[in-house]
N, C-alpha and C. Protein backbone atom coordinates (compact mmCIF):
# COMPACT_ATOMS: atom_id res chain seq x y z
N MET A 1 -12.78 -0.84 -21.14
CA MET A 1 -12.49 0.36 -20.36
C MET A 1 -13.53 1.44 -20.66
N ASP A 2 -14.16 1.96 -19.65
CA ASP A 2 -15.14 3.03 -19.79
C ASP A 2 -14.44 4.37 -19.62
N LEU A 3 -14.15 5.02 -20.75
CA LEU A 3 -13.41 6.27 -20.71
C LEU A 3 -14.19 7.37 -20.00
N GLU A 4 -15.53 7.26 -20.01
CA GLU A 4 -16.34 8.28 -19.35
C GLU A 4 -16.03 8.34 -17.85
N ASN A 5 -15.74 7.18 -17.25
CA ASN A 5 -15.40 7.17 -15.83
C ASN A 5 -14.14 7.97 -15.56
N TYR A 6 -13.17 7.84 -16.47
CA TYR A 6 -11.93 8.60 -16.30
C TYR A 6 -12.17 10.09 -16.50
N GLN A 7 -13.08 10.43 -17.41
CA GLN A 7 -13.41 11.83 -17.63
C GLN A 7 -14.08 12.43 -16.41
N ILE A 8 -14.96 11.65 -15.78
CA ILE A 8 -15.62 12.12 -14.56
C ILE A 8 -14.61 12.42 -13.48
N LEU A 9 -13.58 11.58 -13.40
CA LEU A 9 -12.53 11.76 -12.39
C LEU A 9 -11.46 12.74 -12.83
N GLN A 10 -11.60 13.24 -14.08
CA GLN A 10 -10.67 14.23 -14.63
C GLN A 10 -9.22 13.74 -14.65
N VAL A 11 -9.05 12.48 -15.06
CA VAL A 11 -7.72 11.90 -15.19
C VAL A 11 -7.65 11.14 -16.51
N ASP A 12 -6.44 10.88 -16.95
CA ASP A 12 -6.21 10.09 -18.14
C ASP A 12 -6.29 8.61 -17.79
N GLU A 13 -6.63 7.77 -18.79
CA GLU A 13 -6.74 6.33 -18.52
C GLU A 13 -5.42 5.70 -18.14
N ASN A 14 -4.31 6.39 -18.43
CA ASN A 14 -2.98 5.89 -18.05
C ASN A 14 -2.53 6.39 -16.69
N ALA A 15 -3.39 7.08 -15.99
CA ALA A 15 -3.05 7.60 -14.65
C ALA A 15 -2.83 6.44 -13.69
N THR A 16 -1.97 6.66 -12.73
CA THR A 16 -1.72 5.63 -11.71
C THR A 16 -2.88 5.59 -10.72
N ASP A 17 -2.92 4.54 -9.93
CA ASP A 17 -3.95 4.44 -8.90
C ASP A 17 -3.86 5.61 -7.93
N GLU A 18 -2.63 6.01 -7.60
CA GLU A 18 -2.44 7.12 -6.68
C GLU A 18 -3.00 8.42 -7.25
N GLU A 19 -2.76 8.65 -8.54
CA GLU A 19 -3.26 9.87 -9.18
C GLU A 19 -4.78 9.87 -9.25
N ILE A 20 -5.36 8.70 -9.53
CA ILE A 20 -6.81 8.59 -9.58
C ILE A 20 -7.42 8.86 -8.21
N THR A 21 -6.83 8.27 -7.18
CA THR A 21 -7.34 8.46 -5.83
C THR A 21 -7.20 9.92 -5.40
N GLU A 22 -6.10 10.55 -5.75
CA GLU A 22 -5.90 11.95 -5.40
C GLU A 22 -6.95 12.83 -6.05
N SER A 23 -7.24 12.58 -7.34
CA SER A 23 -8.25 13.35 -8.04
C SER A 23 -9.64 13.08 -7.48
N TYR A 24 -9.89 11.84 -7.14
CA TYR A 24 -11.17 11.46 -6.53
C TYR A 24 -11.40 12.21 -5.22
N GLU A 25 -10.40 12.24 -4.37
CA GLU A 25 -10.53 12.92 -3.08
C GLU A 25 -10.73 14.42 -3.26
N ARG A 26 -10.02 14.98 -4.23
CA ARG A 26 -10.14 16.43 -4.49
C ARG A 26 -11.54 16.78 -4.99
N LEU A 27 -12.04 16.00 -5.96
CA LEU A 27 -13.37 16.27 -6.52
C LEU A 27 -14.47 15.98 -5.51
N LYS A 28 -14.27 14.96 -4.71
CA LYS A 28 -15.27 14.61 -3.69
C LYS A 28 -15.44 15.77 -2.71
N ALA A 29 -14.32 16.35 -2.29
CA ALA A 29 -14.39 17.49 -1.37
C ALA A 29 -15.07 18.68 -2.04
N LYS A 30 -14.77 18.89 -3.31
CA LYS A 30 -15.34 20.01 -4.06
C LYS A 30 -16.86 19.86 -4.18
N TYR A 31 -17.32 18.69 -4.61
CA TYR A 31 -18.75 18.48 -4.80
C TYR A 31 -19.51 18.45 -3.47
N ASN A 32 -18.87 17.95 -2.43
CA ASN A 32 -19.51 17.93 -1.12
C ASN A 32 -19.77 19.34 -0.62
N GLU A 33 -18.89 20.25 -0.98
CA GLU A 33 -19.07 21.65 -0.57
C GLU A 33 -20.12 22.33 -1.44
N GLU A 34 -20.08 22.04 -2.74
CA GLU A 34 -20.98 22.72 -3.68
C GLU A 34 -22.41 22.22 -3.60
N LYS A 35 -22.63 21.02 -3.11
CA LYS A 35 -23.99 20.47 -3.10
C LYS A 35 -24.93 21.24 -2.17
N TRP A 36 -24.36 22.06 -1.29
CA TRP A 36 -25.18 22.85 -0.38
C TRP A 36 -25.61 24.18 -0.99
N GLN A 37 -25.17 24.44 -2.20
CA GLN A 37 -25.58 25.68 -2.87
C GLN A 37 -27.05 25.60 -3.27
N ASP A 38 -27.66 26.76 -3.41
CA ASP A 38 -29.06 26.81 -3.79
C ASP A 38 -29.24 26.51 -5.28
N GLY A 39 -30.42 26.01 -5.58
CA GLY A 39 -30.80 25.84 -6.98
C GLY A 39 -30.07 24.74 -7.71
N GLU A 40 -29.95 24.94 -9.02
CA GLU A 40 -29.40 23.91 -9.90
C GLU A 40 -27.93 23.61 -9.62
N ALA A 41 -27.20 24.60 -9.15
CA ALA A 41 -25.78 24.39 -8.85
C ALA A 41 -25.61 23.31 -7.79
N GLY A 42 -26.43 23.37 -6.74
CA GLY A 42 -26.36 22.36 -5.69
C GLY A 42 -26.82 20.99 -6.18
N ASN A 43 -27.87 20.99 -6.99
CA ASN A 43 -28.37 19.72 -7.53
C ASN A 43 -27.35 19.06 -8.45
N ASN A 44 -26.69 19.88 -9.25
CA ASN A 44 -25.68 19.35 -10.17
C ASN A 44 -24.49 18.77 -9.40
N ALA A 45 -24.08 19.44 -8.33
CA ALA A 45 -22.97 18.95 -7.52
C ALA A 45 -23.33 17.61 -6.88
N ALA A 46 -24.58 17.47 -6.43
CA ALA A 46 -25.02 16.21 -5.83
C ALA A 46 -25.01 15.09 -6.86
N ARG A 47 -25.44 15.41 -8.08
CA ARG A 47 -25.42 14.40 -9.15
C ARG A 47 -23.98 14.00 -9.49
N MET A 48 -23.10 14.98 -9.54
CA MET A 48 -21.71 14.70 -9.87
C MET A 48 -21.05 13.87 -8.77
N LEU A 49 -21.45 14.10 -7.55
CA LEU A 49 -20.90 13.33 -6.43
C LEU A 49 -21.28 11.86 -6.57
N THR A 50 -22.53 11.60 -6.95
CA THR A 50 -22.97 10.22 -7.17
C THR A 50 -22.21 9.58 -8.32
N LYS A 51 -22.05 10.32 -9.42
CA LYS A 51 -21.31 9.81 -10.57
C LYS A 51 -19.85 9.55 -10.21
N LEU A 52 -19.30 10.46 -9.40
CA LEU A 52 -17.89 10.33 -8.99
C LEU A 52 -17.66 9.04 -8.22
N GLU A 53 -18.54 8.77 -7.26
CA GLU A 53 -18.41 7.55 -6.43
C GLU A 53 -18.49 6.31 -7.31
N ALA A 54 -19.46 6.30 -8.24
CA ALA A 54 -19.64 5.13 -9.11
C ALA A 54 -18.44 4.95 -10.03
N ALA A 55 -17.95 6.05 -10.60
CA ALA A 55 -16.82 5.97 -11.52
C ALA A 55 -15.57 5.46 -10.83
N TYR A 56 -15.31 5.98 -9.65
CA TYR A 56 -14.11 5.56 -8.91
C TYR A 56 -14.18 4.08 -8.56
N SER A 57 -15.35 3.63 -8.10
CA SER A 57 -15.53 2.22 -7.74
C SER A 57 -15.33 1.32 -8.95
N GLU A 58 -15.91 1.70 -10.09
CA GLU A 58 -15.82 0.88 -11.30
C GLU A 58 -14.38 0.81 -11.82
N ILE A 59 -13.70 1.94 -11.79
CA ILE A 59 -12.31 1.96 -12.27
C ILE A 59 -11.43 1.05 -11.42
N MET A 60 -11.55 1.18 -10.11
CA MET A 60 -10.72 0.38 -9.22
C MET A 60 -11.05 -1.11 -9.33
N ASP A 61 -12.32 -1.44 -9.46
CA ASP A 61 -12.71 -2.84 -9.63
C ASP A 61 -12.14 -3.39 -10.93
N GLU A 62 -12.21 -2.60 -11.99
CA GLU A 62 -11.69 -3.03 -13.29
C GLU A 62 -10.18 -3.24 -13.24
N ARG A 63 -9.50 -2.35 -12.55
CA ARG A 63 -8.04 -2.48 -12.46
C ARG A 63 -7.63 -3.69 -11.63
N ARG A 64 -8.39 -4.00 -10.60
CA ARG A 64 -8.10 -5.19 -9.81
C ARG A 64 -8.25 -6.45 -10.66
N GLU A 65 -9.26 -6.47 -11.50
CA GLU A 65 -9.46 -7.63 -12.36
C GLU A 65 -8.32 -7.78 -13.37
N LYS A 66 -7.84 -6.66 -13.87
CA LYS A 66 -6.76 -6.70 -14.85
C LYS A 66 -5.46 -7.22 -14.26
N ARG A 67 -5.34 -7.13 -12.96
CA ARG A 67 -4.12 -7.59 -12.31
C ARG A 67 -4.10 -9.11 -12.15
N ARG A 68 -5.16 -9.75 -12.51
CA ARG A 68 -5.19 -11.21 -12.45
C ARG A 68 -4.51 -11.77 -13.69
N ASN A 69 -3.61 -12.73 -13.49
CA ASN A 69 -2.89 -13.27 -14.63
C ASN A 69 -3.73 -14.33 -15.34
N THR A 70 -3.18 -14.93 -16.37
CA THR A 70 -3.94 -15.85 -17.21
C THR A 70 -4.37 -17.10 -16.48
N SER A 71 -3.71 -17.47 -15.42
CA SER A 71 -4.08 -18.66 -14.67
C SER A 71 -5.20 -18.37 -13.67
N GLY A 72 -5.56 -17.11 -13.57
CA GLY A 72 -6.62 -16.72 -12.66
C GLY A 72 -6.11 -16.33 -11.28
N ALA A 73 -4.84 -16.51 -11.02
CA ALA A 73 -4.28 -16.15 -9.73
C ALA A 73 -3.99 -14.67 -9.69
N ASN A 74 -4.13 -14.08 -8.55
CA ASN A 74 -3.84 -12.67 -8.41
C ASN A 74 -2.35 -12.43 -8.59
N ALA A 75 -2.02 -11.38 -9.34
CA ALA A 75 -0.61 -11.09 -9.61
C ALA A 75 0.16 -10.82 -8.33
N PHE A 76 -0.51 -10.30 -7.32
CA PHE A 76 0.16 -10.04 -6.06
C PHE A 76 0.53 -11.34 -5.34
N GLU A 77 -0.15 -12.42 -5.69
CA GLU A 77 0.15 -13.71 -5.04
C GLU A 77 1.58 -14.14 -5.32
N ALA A 78 2.06 -13.87 -6.54
CA ALA A 78 3.44 -14.24 -6.88
C ALA A 78 4.43 -13.49 -6.00
N VAL A 79 4.13 -12.23 -5.71
CA VAL A 79 5.00 -11.44 -4.83
C VAL A 79 4.97 -12.04 -3.43
N ALA A 80 3.76 -12.33 -2.95
CA ALA A 80 3.62 -12.89 -1.61
C ALA A 80 4.34 -14.23 -1.49
N ASN A 81 4.25 -15.05 -2.51
CA ASN A 81 4.93 -16.36 -2.49
C ASN A 81 6.44 -16.19 -2.43
N ALA A 82 6.95 -15.21 -3.18
CA ALA A 82 8.39 -14.96 -3.17
C ALA A 82 8.85 -14.51 -1.78
N ILE A 83 8.03 -13.69 -1.13
CA ILE A 83 8.37 -13.22 0.22
C ILE A 83 8.33 -14.39 1.19
N ARG A 84 7.31 -15.23 1.08
CA ARG A 84 7.20 -16.39 1.98
C ARG A 84 8.40 -17.31 1.86
N SER A 85 8.88 -17.47 0.62
CA SER A 85 10.01 -18.37 0.39
C SER A 85 11.35 -17.73 0.73
N GLY A 86 11.33 -16.44 1.11
CA GLY A 86 12.56 -15.75 1.47
C GLY A 86 13.31 -15.16 0.29
N ASP A 87 12.71 -15.22 -0.91
CA ASP A 87 13.37 -14.69 -2.10
C ASP A 87 12.98 -13.22 -2.26
N ILE A 88 13.58 -12.38 -1.45
CA ILE A 88 13.22 -10.97 -1.42
C ILE A 88 13.61 -10.27 -2.72
N ALA A 89 14.71 -10.67 -3.31
CA ALA A 89 15.15 -10.05 -4.56
C ALA A 89 14.11 -10.28 -5.66
N SER A 90 13.58 -11.50 -5.74
CA SER A 90 12.55 -11.78 -6.75
C SER A 90 11.28 -11.01 -6.46
N ALA A 91 10.93 -10.91 -5.19
CA ALA A 91 9.74 -10.15 -4.81
C ALA A 91 9.87 -8.69 -5.26
N GLN A 92 11.06 -8.13 -5.08
CA GLN A 92 11.29 -6.75 -5.49
C GLN A 92 11.21 -6.60 -7.00
N ARG A 93 11.77 -7.57 -7.73
CA ARG A 93 11.71 -7.50 -9.19
C ARG A 93 10.27 -7.56 -9.68
N LEU A 94 9.46 -8.41 -9.05
CA LEU A 94 8.05 -8.50 -9.43
C LEU A 94 7.32 -7.18 -9.15
N LEU A 95 7.60 -6.59 -8.01
CA LEU A 95 6.97 -5.32 -7.67
C LEU A 95 7.39 -4.22 -8.64
N ASP A 96 8.65 -4.23 -9.03
CA ASP A 96 9.15 -3.22 -9.96
C ASP A 96 8.46 -3.33 -11.32
N GLY A 97 7.94 -4.52 -11.63
CA GLY A 97 7.30 -4.74 -12.93
C GLY A 97 5.87 -4.25 -13.01
N PHE A 98 5.29 -3.83 -11.89
CA PHE A 98 3.91 -3.34 -11.90
C PHE A 98 3.84 -1.94 -12.48
N ASN A 99 2.91 -1.73 -13.40
CA ASN A 99 2.67 -0.38 -13.90
C ASN A 99 1.75 0.39 -12.97
N GLU A 100 0.76 -0.31 -12.43
CA GLU A 100 -0.17 0.33 -11.50
C GLU A 100 0.24 -0.01 -10.07
N ARG A 101 0.32 0.99 -9.26
CA ARG A 101 0.78 0.78 -7.89
C ARG A 101 -0.28 1.27 -6.90
N ASN A 102 -1.14 0.32 -6.53
CA ASN A 102 -2.26 0.65 -5.64
C ASN A 102 -1.87 0.41 -4.19
N ALA A 103 -2.86 0.40 -3.31
CA ALA A 103 -2.59 0.25 -1.88
C ALA A 103 -1.90 -1.07 -1.57
N GLU A 104 -2.35 -2.16 -2.21
CA GLU A 104 -1.75 -3.46 -1.95
C GLU A 104 -0.31 -3.52 -2.42
N TRP A 105 0.00 -2.84 -3.52
CA TRP A 105 1.39 -2.78 -4.00
C TRP A 105 2.26 -2.13 -2.93
N HIS A 106 1.81 -1.01 -2.39
CA HIS A 106 2.61 -0.30 -1.39
C HIS A 106 2.72 -1.13 -0.11
N TYR A 107 1.67 -1.87 0.22
CA TYR A 107 1.75 -2.76 1.38
C TYR A 107 2.82 -3.82 1.18
N LEU A 108 2.82 -4.47 0.02
CA LEU A 108 3.81 -5.51 -0.26
C LEU A 108 5.22 -4.92 -0.33
N GLN A 109 5.33 -3.70 -0.85
CA GLN A 109 6.65 -3.05 -0.87
C GLN A 109 7.12 -2.80 0.55
N SER A 110 6.19 -2.47 1.43
CA SER A 110 6.57 -2.27 2.83
C SER A 110 7.05 -3.58 3.45
N VAL A 111 6.45 -4.70 3.03
CA VAL A 111 6.88 -6.00 3.53
C VAL A 111 8.33 -6.27 3.13
N VAL A 112 8.64 -5.99 1.86
CA VAL A 112 10.01 -6.20 1.37
C VAL A 112 10.99 -5.34 2.15
N PHE A 113 10.65 -4.08 2.38
CA PHE A 113 11.53 -3.20 3.14
C PHE A 113 11.67 -3.69 4.59
N TYR A 114 10.58 -4.21 5.14
CA TYR A 114 10.63 -4.74 6.50
C TYR A 114 11.59 -5.92 6.58
N LYS A 115 11.54 -6.80 5.57
CA LYS A 115 12.43 -7.96 5.54
C LYS A 115 13.89 -7.53 5.44
N LYS A 116 14.12 -6.38 4.81
CA LYS A 116 15.47 -5.84 4.70
C LYS A 116 15.87 -5.04 5.94
N ASN A 117 14.90 -4.88 6.86
CA ASN A 117 15.11 -4.07 8.06
C ASN A 117 15.26 -2.59 7.73
N TRP A 118 14.66 -2.16 6.64
CA TRP A 118 14.64 -0.74 6.28
C TRP A 118 13.35 -0.16 6.86
N ILE A 119 13.37 0.12 8.14
CA ILE A 119 12.15 0.41 8.88
C ILE A 119 11.51 1.72 8.46
N ASN A 120 12.29 2.75 8.26
CA ASN A 120 11.72 4.04 7.86
C ASN A 120 11.04 3.95 6.49
N GLU A 121 11.70 3.25 5.55
CA GLU A 121 11.11 3.10 4.23
C GLU A 121 9.86 2.24 4.29
N CYS A 122 9.89 1.24 5.15
CA CYS A 122 8.73 0.38 5.37
C CYS A 122 7.55 1.22 5.86
N LYS A 123 7.81 2.07 6.81
CA LYS A 123 6.75 2.90 7.39
C LYS A 123 6.16 3.83 6.35
N LYS A 124 7.00 4.40 5.50
CA LYS A 124 6.51 5.31 4.46
C LYS A 124 5.57 4.59 3.50
N GLN A 125 5.92 3.36 3.13
CA GLN A 125 5.07 2.61 2.22
C GLN A 125 3.74 2.25 2.86
N LEU A 126 3.76 1.91 4.14
CA LEU A 126 2.51 1.62 4.85
C LEU A 126 1.63 2.87 4.94
N GLU A 127 2.24 4.01 5.12
CA GLU A 127 1.47 5.25 5.19
C GLU A 127 0.78 5.54 3.86
N ILE A 128 1.48 5.27 2.76
CA ILE A 128 0.87 5.46 1.43
C ILE A 128 -0.29 4.48 1.25
N ALA A 129 -0.08 3.22 1.67
CA ALA A 129 -1.14 2.21 1.55
C ALA A 129 -2.38 2.66 2.32
N LEU A 130 -2.18 3.23 3.50
CA LEU A 130 -3.30 3.68 4.32
C LEU A 130 -3.97 4.91 3.72
N GLN A 131 -3.21 5.75 3.06
CA GLN A 131 -3.80 6.90 2.39
C GLN A 131 -4.71 6.46 1.25
N LEU A 132 -4.28 5.41 0.54
CA LEU A 132 -5.06 4.91 -0.60
C LEU A 132 -6.25 4.07 -0.15
N ASP A 133 -6.11 3.40 0.99
CA ASP A 133 -7.19 2.53 1.49
C ASP A 133 -7.27 2.67 3.01
N PRO A 134 -7.83 3.78 3.49
CA PRO A 134 -7.82 4.07 4.94
C PRO A 134 -8.57 3.06 5.79
N SER A 135 -9.53 2.35 5.22
CA SER A 135 -10.35 1.43 6.01
C SER A 135 -9.78 0.02 6.07
N ASN A 136 -8.63 -0.21 5.45
CA ASN A 136 -8.07 -1.56 5.42
C ASN A 136 -7.45 -1.91 6.77
N GLU A 137 -8.05 -2.89 7.43
CA GLU A 137 -7.61 -3.27 8.77
C GLU A 137 -6.23 -3.90 8.76
N LYS A 138 -5.91 -4.64 7.69
CA LYS A 138 -4.61 -5.28 7.59
C LYS A 138 -3.49 -4.24 7.59
N TYR A 139 -3.66 -3.19 6.80
CA TYR A 139 -2.65 -2.14 6.72
C TYR A 139 -2.54 -1.41 8.06
N ARG A 140 -3.68 -1.13 8.68
CA ARG A 140 -3.68 -0.41 9.95
C ARG A 140 -3.00 -1.21 11.04
N THR A 141 -3.29 -2.50 11.10
CA THR A 141 -2.67 -3.36 12.11
C THR A 141 -1.15 -3.42 11.93
N ALA A 142 -0.72 -3.59 10.67
CA ALA A 142 0.71 -3.64 10.39
C ALA A 142 1.39 -2.34 10.79
N TYR A 143 0.73 -1.22 10.48
CA TYR A 143 1.31 0.09 10.81
C TYR A 143 1.42 0.29 12.31
N ASP A 144 0.39 -0.10 13.04
CA ASP A 144 0.42 0.05 14.50
C ASP A 144 1.51 -0.82 15.13
N LYS A 145 1.66 -2.05 14.62
CA LYS A 145 2.69 -2.94 15.16
C LYS A 145 4.09 -2.42 14.84
N LEU A 146 4.23 -1.85 13.65
CA LEU A 146 5.54 -1.30 13.28
C LEU A 146 5.90 -0.13 14.20
N ASN A 147 4.93 0.70 14.51
CA ASN A 147 5.18 1.82 15.43
C ASN A 147 5.53 1.31 16.82
N SER A 148 4.89 0.22 17.24
CA SER A 148 5.20 -0.36 18.55
C SER A 148 6.63 -0.84 18.59
N ARG A 149 7.07 -1.46 17.50
CA ARG A 149 8.45 -1.92 17.44
C ARG A 149 9.42 -0.75 17.51
N ALA A 150 9.12 0.32 16.76
CA ALA A 150 10.01 1.48 16.73
C ALA A 150 10.11 2.11 18.12
N GLN A 151 8.98 2.20 18.82
CA GLN A 151 8.99 2.77 20.16
C GLN A 151 9.82 1.92 21.11
N TYR A 152 9.71 0.60 20.99
CA TYR A 152 10.49 -0.28 21.87
C TYR A 152 11.98 -0.15 21.58
N GLN A 153 12.31 -0.02 20.31
CA GLN A 153 13.74 0.14 19.95
C GLN A 153 14.30 1.43 20.53
N GLN A 154 13.50 2.48 20.52
CA GLN A 154 13.96 3.75 21.10
C GLN A 154 14.19 3.61 22.60
N GLN A 155 13.31 2.86 23.25
CA GLN A 155 13.42 2.68 24.69
C GLN A 155 14.63 1.82 25.06
N THR A 156 14.98 0.86 24.20
CA THR A 156 16.07 -0.06 24.51
C THR A 156 17.39 0.38 23.90
N GLY A 157 17.34 1.46 23.10
CA GLY A 157 18.57 1.95 22.49
C GLY A 157 18.89 1.32 21.17
N GLY A 158 18.01 0.45 20.66
CA GLY A 158 18.24 -0.18 19.36
C GLY A 158 17.95 0.81 18.26
N ALA A 159 18.60 0.61 17.12
CA ALA A 159 18.40 1.52 15.98
C ALA A 159 18.27 0.71 14.71
N PRO A 160 17.14 0.85 14.00
CA PRO A 160 16.99 0.14 12.74
C PRO A 160 17.83 0.77 11.64
N ASN A 161 17.98 0.07 10.54
CA ASN A 161 18.66 0.61 9.38
C ASN A 161 17.75 1.63 8.73
N THR A 162 18.10 2.90 8.81
CA THR A 162 17.22 3.96 8.31
C THR A 162 17.78 4.65 7.08
N ASN A 163 18.86 4.15 6.52
CA ASN A 163 19.45 4.78 5.35
C ASN A 163 19.70 3.72 4.28
N PRO A 164 18.61 3.14 3.71
CA PRO A 164 18.77 2.04 2.77
C PRO A 164 19.37 2.49 1.46
N ASN A 165 20.06 1.57 0.82
CA ASN A 165 20.60 1.81 -0.51
C ASN A 165 19.98 0.77 -1.44
N PRO A 166 18.91 1.14 -2.20
CA PRO A 166 18.21 0.16 -3.02
C PRO A 166 19.08 -0.54 -4.04
N ALA A 167 20.19 0.08 -4.41
CA ALA A 167 21.06 -0.54 -5.41
C ALA A 167 21.90 -1.65 -4.83
N SER A 168 21.94 -1.76 -3.52
CA SER A 168 22.78 -2.75 -2.86
C SER A 168 22.03 -4.06 -2.68
N ASP A 169 21.83 -4.80 -3.78
CA ASP A 169 21.05 -6.03 -3.75
C ASP A 169 21.79 -7.17 -3.10
N GLY A 170 23.10 -7.03 -2.95
CA GLY A 170 23.87 -8.14 -2.44
C GLY A 170 23.86 -8.25 -0.93
N GLU A 171 23.30 -7.26 -0.23
CA GLU A 171 23.34 -7.30 1.21
C GLU A 171 22.37 -8.34 1.75
N GLN A 172 22.61 -8.79 2.96
CA GLN A 172 21.75 -9.79 3.58
C GLN A 172 20.36 -9.21 3.81
N MET A 173 19.31 -9.93 3.36
CA MET A 173 17.96 -9.46 3.52
C MET A 173 17.49 -9.72 4.95
N GLY A 174 16.65 -8.81 5.43
CA GLY A 174 16.05 -9.01 6.74
C GLY A 174 16.87 -8.43 7.88
N GLY A 175 17.95 -7.76 7.55
CA GLY A 175 18.75 -7.12 8.60
C GLY A 175 19.89 -8.01 9.06
N ASN A 176 20.87 -7.44 9.70
CA ASN A 176 22.03 -8.18 10.18
C ASN A 176 21.96 -8.38 11.68
N TRP A 177 22.54 -9.49 12.16
CA TRP A 177 22.60 -9.75 13.59
C TRP A 177 23.68 -8.89 14.20
N CYS A 178 23.34 -8.25 15.30
CA CYS A 178 24.32 -7.39 15.97
C CYS A 178 24.08 -7.49 17.47
N ALA A 179 24.87 -6.73 18.21
CA ALA A 179 24.77 -6.79 19.66
C ALA A 179 23.41 -6.34 20.16
N ASN A 180 22.80 -5.42 19.42
CA ASN A 180 21.50 -4.92 19.85
C ASN A 180 20.39 -5.94 19.65
N CYS A 181 20.63 -6.96 18.80
CA CYS A 181 19.56 -7.89 18.46
C CYS A 181 19.05 -8.65 19.68
N ALA A 182 19.97 -9.03 20.56
CA ALA A 182 19.55 -9.78 21.73
C ALA A 182 18.60 -8.97 22.58
N SER A 183 18.89 -7.68 22.74
CA SER A 183 18.03 -6.83 23.56
C SER A 183 16.69 -6.56 22.91
N MET A 184 16.62 -6.81 21.59
CA MET A 184 15.38 -6.52 20.89
C MET A 184 14.60 -7.79 20.55
N CYS A 185 15.02 -8.93 21.06
CA CYS A 185 14.34 -10.18 20.74
C CYS A 185 12.86 -10.12 21.10
N TYR A 186 12.58 -9.54 22.25
CA TYR A 186 11.19 -9.46 22.67
C TYR A 186 10.36 -8.68 21.65
N THR A 187 10.96 -7.62 21.11
CA THR A 187 10.27 -6.83 20.10
C THR A 187 9.92 -7.68 18.89
N TYR A 188 10.91 -8.45 18.41
CA TYR A 188 10.66 -9.28 17.24
C TYR A 188 9.59 -10.31 17.50
N LEU A 189 9.58 -10.86 18.73
CA LEU A 189 8.55 -11.84 19.07
C LEU A 189 7.17 -11.20 19.06
N CYS A 190 7.10 -9.95 19.50
CA CYS A 190 5.81 -9.26 19.57
C CYS A 190 5.29 -8.90 18.19
N VAL A 191 6.20 -8.65 17.25
CA VAL A 191 5.75 -8.18 15.94
C VAL A 191 6.07 -9.17 14.83
N ASN A 192 6.36 -10.42 15.20
CA ASN A 192 6.76 -11.37 14.16
C ASN A 192 5.64 -11.69 13.19
N CYS A 193 4.41 -11.32 13.55
CA CYS A 193 3.30 -11.54 12.63
C CYS A 193 2.96 -10.29 11.85
N LEU A 194 3.79 -9.27 11.95
CA LEU A 194 3.50 -8.01 11.30
C LEU A 194 3.25 -8.18 9.81
N PHE A 195 4.13 -8.94 9.17
CA PHE A 195 4.00 -9.14 7.73
C PHE A 195 4.01 -10.63 7.39
N ASN A 196 3.14 -11.38 8.04
CA ASN A 196 3.12 -12.83 7.78
C ASN A 196 2.30 -13.19 6.56
N LEU A 197 1.62 -12.19 5.99
CA LEU A 197 0.88 -12.39 4.73
C LEU A 197 -0.18 -13.47 4.84
N CYS A 198 -0.71 -13.69 6.03
CA CYS A 198 -1.71 -14.73 6.20
C CYS A 198 -2.96 -14.43 5.39
N CYS A 199 -3.15 -13.18 5.05
CA CYS A 199 -4.36 -12.82 4.31
C CYS A 199 -4.43 -13.54 2.98
N TYR A 200 -3.28 -13.85 2.39
CA TYR A 200 -3.30 -14.53 1.10
C TYR A 200 -3.76 -15.97 1.26
N GLY A 201 -3.45 -16.56 2.38
CA GLY A 201 -3.89 -17.92 2.59
C GLY A 201 -5.36 -18.01 2.90
N CYS A 202 -5.97 -16.88 3.28
CA CYS A 202 -7.37 -16.89 3.67
C CYS A 202 -8.29 -16.51 2.52
N ARG A 203 -7.71 -16.07 1.40
CA ARG A 203 -8.54 -15.61 0.30
C ARG A 203 -9.12 -16.79 -0.47
């Protein structure tokens, strides 16, 4: 661990991915503004901006490597496998065990909420994932499809479960069948690939 990188980002080494990204964005904006100043102040801001970019990249790369387990498989793969097998409770337990919660963690948490039909909570997690990794096409596509589903439900009068109770582990995962389900079948067909996790099979 290079502690100097954390010092450049003005965070502790125990900071979460979200805290590191927040500090990175704040400092990036600060140095981008200061680099236009005259003299040494502007030069120093430009140097700090370069150091900031390098430090952030190195920290995130190092943390991704640490998430690999002893068998060499990505720790997120276990979560994805649990979701594929329909074991949503196990997937949630695995997610709860993560100390660092980066963009991919929030994406997978959104998948779990989607399987439970907790659409609002799902959307919030996707929004966090996009804030942490705005250029990720997978997150963007999932978010757009989720919004399309929500719009269709509003048009057809369907209503997702928007008041989840995380302590209620015994409820049926993926939502319950009701009278509205038939009218929303087309929606499910259109977005059934929203969280198919195919990206794990392509890695």
